[in-house]
Amino acid sequence: MAANTLDQSMWDGARRLAGVSQPEAWNAMLTGALIVQANREAIEQYPRAGAMHS
């Protein structure tokens, strides 16, 4: 619905809606994504915690 209303793709419409309706949550998600991108090599060196307990 946001995409149609804003005449944008589904992703762009949802992103715009999230950024406007909950800016603090949206900014926290973006901050988390930037942290993951900046540390991708270090993160990929270690197995996921769940895989260790299987």
N, C-alpha and C. Protein backbone atom coordinates (compact mmCIF):
# COMPACT_ATOMS: atom_id res chain seq x y z
N MET A 1 0.82 -1.18 0.00
CA MET A 1 0.00 0.00 0.00
C MET A 1 0.87 1.27 0.00
N ALA A 2 1.94 1.26 0.83
CA ALA A 2 2.83 2.42 0.86
C ALA A 2 3.47 2.65 -0.50
N ALA A 3 3.85 1.57 -1.16
CA ALA A 3 4.48 1.70 -2.47
C ALA A 3 3.52 2.34 -3.48
N ASN A 4 2.28 1.89 -3.49
CA ASN A 4 1.30 2.46 -4.42
C ASN A 4 1.00 3.92 -4.09
N THR A 5 0.84 4.21 -2.82
CA THR A 5 0.52 5.57 -2.40
C THR A 5 1.65 6.53 -2.76
N LEU A 6 2.88 6.10 -2.56
CA LEU A 6 4.03 6.96 -2.81
C LEU A 6 4.55 6.84 -4.24
N ASP A 7 3.93 5.95 -5.04
CA ASP A 7 4.36 5.70 -6.41
C ASP A 7 5.84 5.32 -6.45
N GLN A 8 6.20 4.34 -5.59
CA GLN A 8 7.57 3.85 -5.50
C GLN A 8 7.55 2.33 -5.50
N SER A 9 8.74 1.73 -5.60
CA SER A 9 8.84 0.28 -5.50
C SER A 9 8.43 -0.15 -4.10
N MET A 10 8.18 -1.45 -3.93
CA MET A 10 7.80 -1.96 -2.60
C MET A 10 8.86 -1.60 -1.56
N TRP A 11 10.13 -1.83 -1.89
CA TRP A 11 11.20 -1.56 -0.93
C TRP A 11 11.28 -0.08 -0.60
N ASP A 12 11.28 0.77 -1.62
CA ASP A 12 11.40 2.21 -1.39
C ASP A 12 10.20 2.75 -0.62
N GLY A 13 9.01 2.25 -0.92
CA GLY A 13 7.82 2.69 -0.20
C GLY A 13 7.87 2.28 1.26
N ALA A 14 8.28 1.04 1.53
CA ALA A 14 8.39 0.56 2.91
C ALA A 14 9.48 1.30 3.67
N ARG A 15 10.57 1.55 2.99
CA ARG A 15 11.68 2.27 3.62
C ARG A 15 11.25 3.69 3.99
N ARG A 16 10.57 4.34 3.10
CA ARG A 16 10.09 5.70 3.36
C ARG A 16 9.08 5.71 4.51
N LEU A 17 8.15 4.76 4.49
CA LEU A 17 7.14 4.68 5.54
C LEU A 17 7.80 4.43 6.89
N ALA A 18 8.74 3.50 6.96
CA ALA A 18 9.43 3.20 8.21
C ALA A 18 10.23 4.40 8.70
N GLY A 19 10.91 5.07 7.81
CA GLY A 19 11.72 6.22 8.19
C GLY A 19 10.90 7.38 8.73
N VAL A 20 9.71 7.55 8.18
CA VAL A 20 8.85 8.65 8.61
C VAL A 20 8.06 8.29 9.86
N SER A 21 7.54 7.06 9.92
CA SER A 21 6.67 6.69 11.03
C SER A 21 7.44 6.34 12.30
N GLN A 22 8.64 5.79 12.15
CA GLN A 22 9.44 5.40 13.32
C GLN A 22 10.91 5.74 13.06
N PRO A 23 11.24 7.03 13.05
CA PRO A 23 12.61 7.43 12.69
C PRO A 23 13.68 6.88 13.62
N GLU A 24 13.40 6.76 14.91
CA GLU A 24 14.42 6.23 15.84
C GLU A 24 14.70 4.77 15.54
N ALA A 25 13.67 3.98 15.32
CA ALA A 25 13.86 2.56 15.01
C ALA A 25 14.57 2.40 13.66
N TRP A 26 14.19 3.22 12.68
CA TRP A 26 14.81 3.16 11.36
C TRP A 26 16.30 3.50 11.46
N ASN A 27 16.62 4.56 12.20
CA ASN A 27 18.02 4.95 12.36
C ASN A 27 18.82 3.90 13.11
N ALA A 28 18.21 3.24 14.09
CA ALA A 28 18.90 2.15 14.81
C ALA A 28 19.20 0.99 13.86
N MET A 29 18.25 0.67 12.99
CA MET A 29 18.47 -0.41 12.03
C MET A 29 19.59 -0.05 11.06
N LEU A 30 19.60 1.19 10.58
CA LEU A 30 20.67 1.62 9.67
C LEU A 30 22.03 1.60 10.36
N THR A 31 22.06 2.04 11.61
CA THR A 31 23.31 2.01 12.37
C THR A 31 23.82 0.58 12.50
N GLY A 32 22.92 -0.34 12.82
CA GLY A 32 23.30 -1.75 12.92
C GLY A 32 23.84 -2.30 11.61
N ALA A 33 23.20 -1.93 10.51
CA ALA A 33 23.66 -2.39 9.19
C ALA A 33 25.05 -1.86 8.89
N LEU A 34 25.30 -0.61 9.24
CA LEU A 34 26.63 -0.03 9.01
C LEU A 34 27.70 -0.72 9.87
N ILE A 35 27.35 -1.06 11.10
CA ILE A 35 28.29 -1.77 11.97
C ILE A 35 28.63 -3.14 11.39
N VAL A 36 27.61 -3.85 10.91
CA VAL A 36 27.84 -5.17 10.31
C VAL A 36 28.71 -5.04 9.06
N GLN A 37 28.41 -4.07 8.20
CA GLN A 37 29.21 -3.88 6.98
C GLN A 37 30.66 -3.57 7.32
N ALA A 38 30.87 -2.73 8.30
CA ALA A 38 32.24 -2.33 8.67
C ALA A 38 33.02 -3.49 9.29
N ASN A 39 32.31 -4.47 9.84
CA ASN A 39 32.98 -5.58 10.54
C ASN A 39 32.74 -6.93 9.87
N ARG A 40 32.34 -6.92 8.61
CA ARG A 40 31.96 -8.15 7.92
C ARG A 40 33.07 -9.21 7.96
N GLU A 41 34.31 -8.82 7.70
CA GLU A 41 35.40 -9.80 7.69
C GLU A 41 35.55 -10.47 9.05
N ALA A 42 35.52 -9.70 10.12
CA ALA A 42 35.65 -10.27 11.47
C ALA A 42 34.46 -11.17 11.79
N ILE A 43 33.27 -10.77 11.41
CA ILE A 43 32.07 -11.55 11.68
C ILE A 43 32.12 -12.88 10.94
N GLU A 44 32.56 -12.87 9.70
CA GLU A 44 32.59 -14.09 8.90
C GLU A 44 33.65 -15.09 9.37
N GLN A 45 34.59 -14.68 10.20
CA GLN A 45 35.61 -15.58 10.70
C GLN A 45 35.08 -16.54 11.76
N TYR A 46 33.95 -16.23 12.34
CA TYR A 46 33.43 -17.00 13.46
C TYR A 46 32.11 -17.67 13.09
N PRO A 47 31.92 -18.94 13.51
CA PRO A 47 30.66 -19.60 13.23
C PRO A 47 29.52 -18.99 14.04
N ARG A 48 28.34 -19.18 13.58
CA ARG A 48 27.18 -18.70 14.33
C ARG A 48 27.05 -19.48 15.63
N ALA A 49 26.58 -18.82 16.67
CA ALA A 49 26.47 -19.45 17.99
C ALA A 49 25.59 -20.69 17.94
N GLY A 50 24.51 -20.66 17.17
CA GLY A 50 23.60 -21.80 17.07
C GLY A 50 24.27 -23.01 16.44
N ALA A 51 25.17 -22.80 15.51
CA ALA A 51 25.85 -23.92 14.84
C ALA A 51 26.77 -24.65 15.80
N MET A 52 27.25 -23.98 16.81
CA MET A 52 28.17 -24.59 17.76
C MET A 52 27.45 -25.58 18.68
N HIS A 53 26.14 -25.43 18.84
CA HIS A 53 25.39 -26.26 19.78
C HIS A 53 24.54 -27.32 19.08
N SER A 54 24.77 -27.57 17.81
CA SER A 54 23.94 -28.55 17.11
C SER A 54 24.40 -29.96 17.35
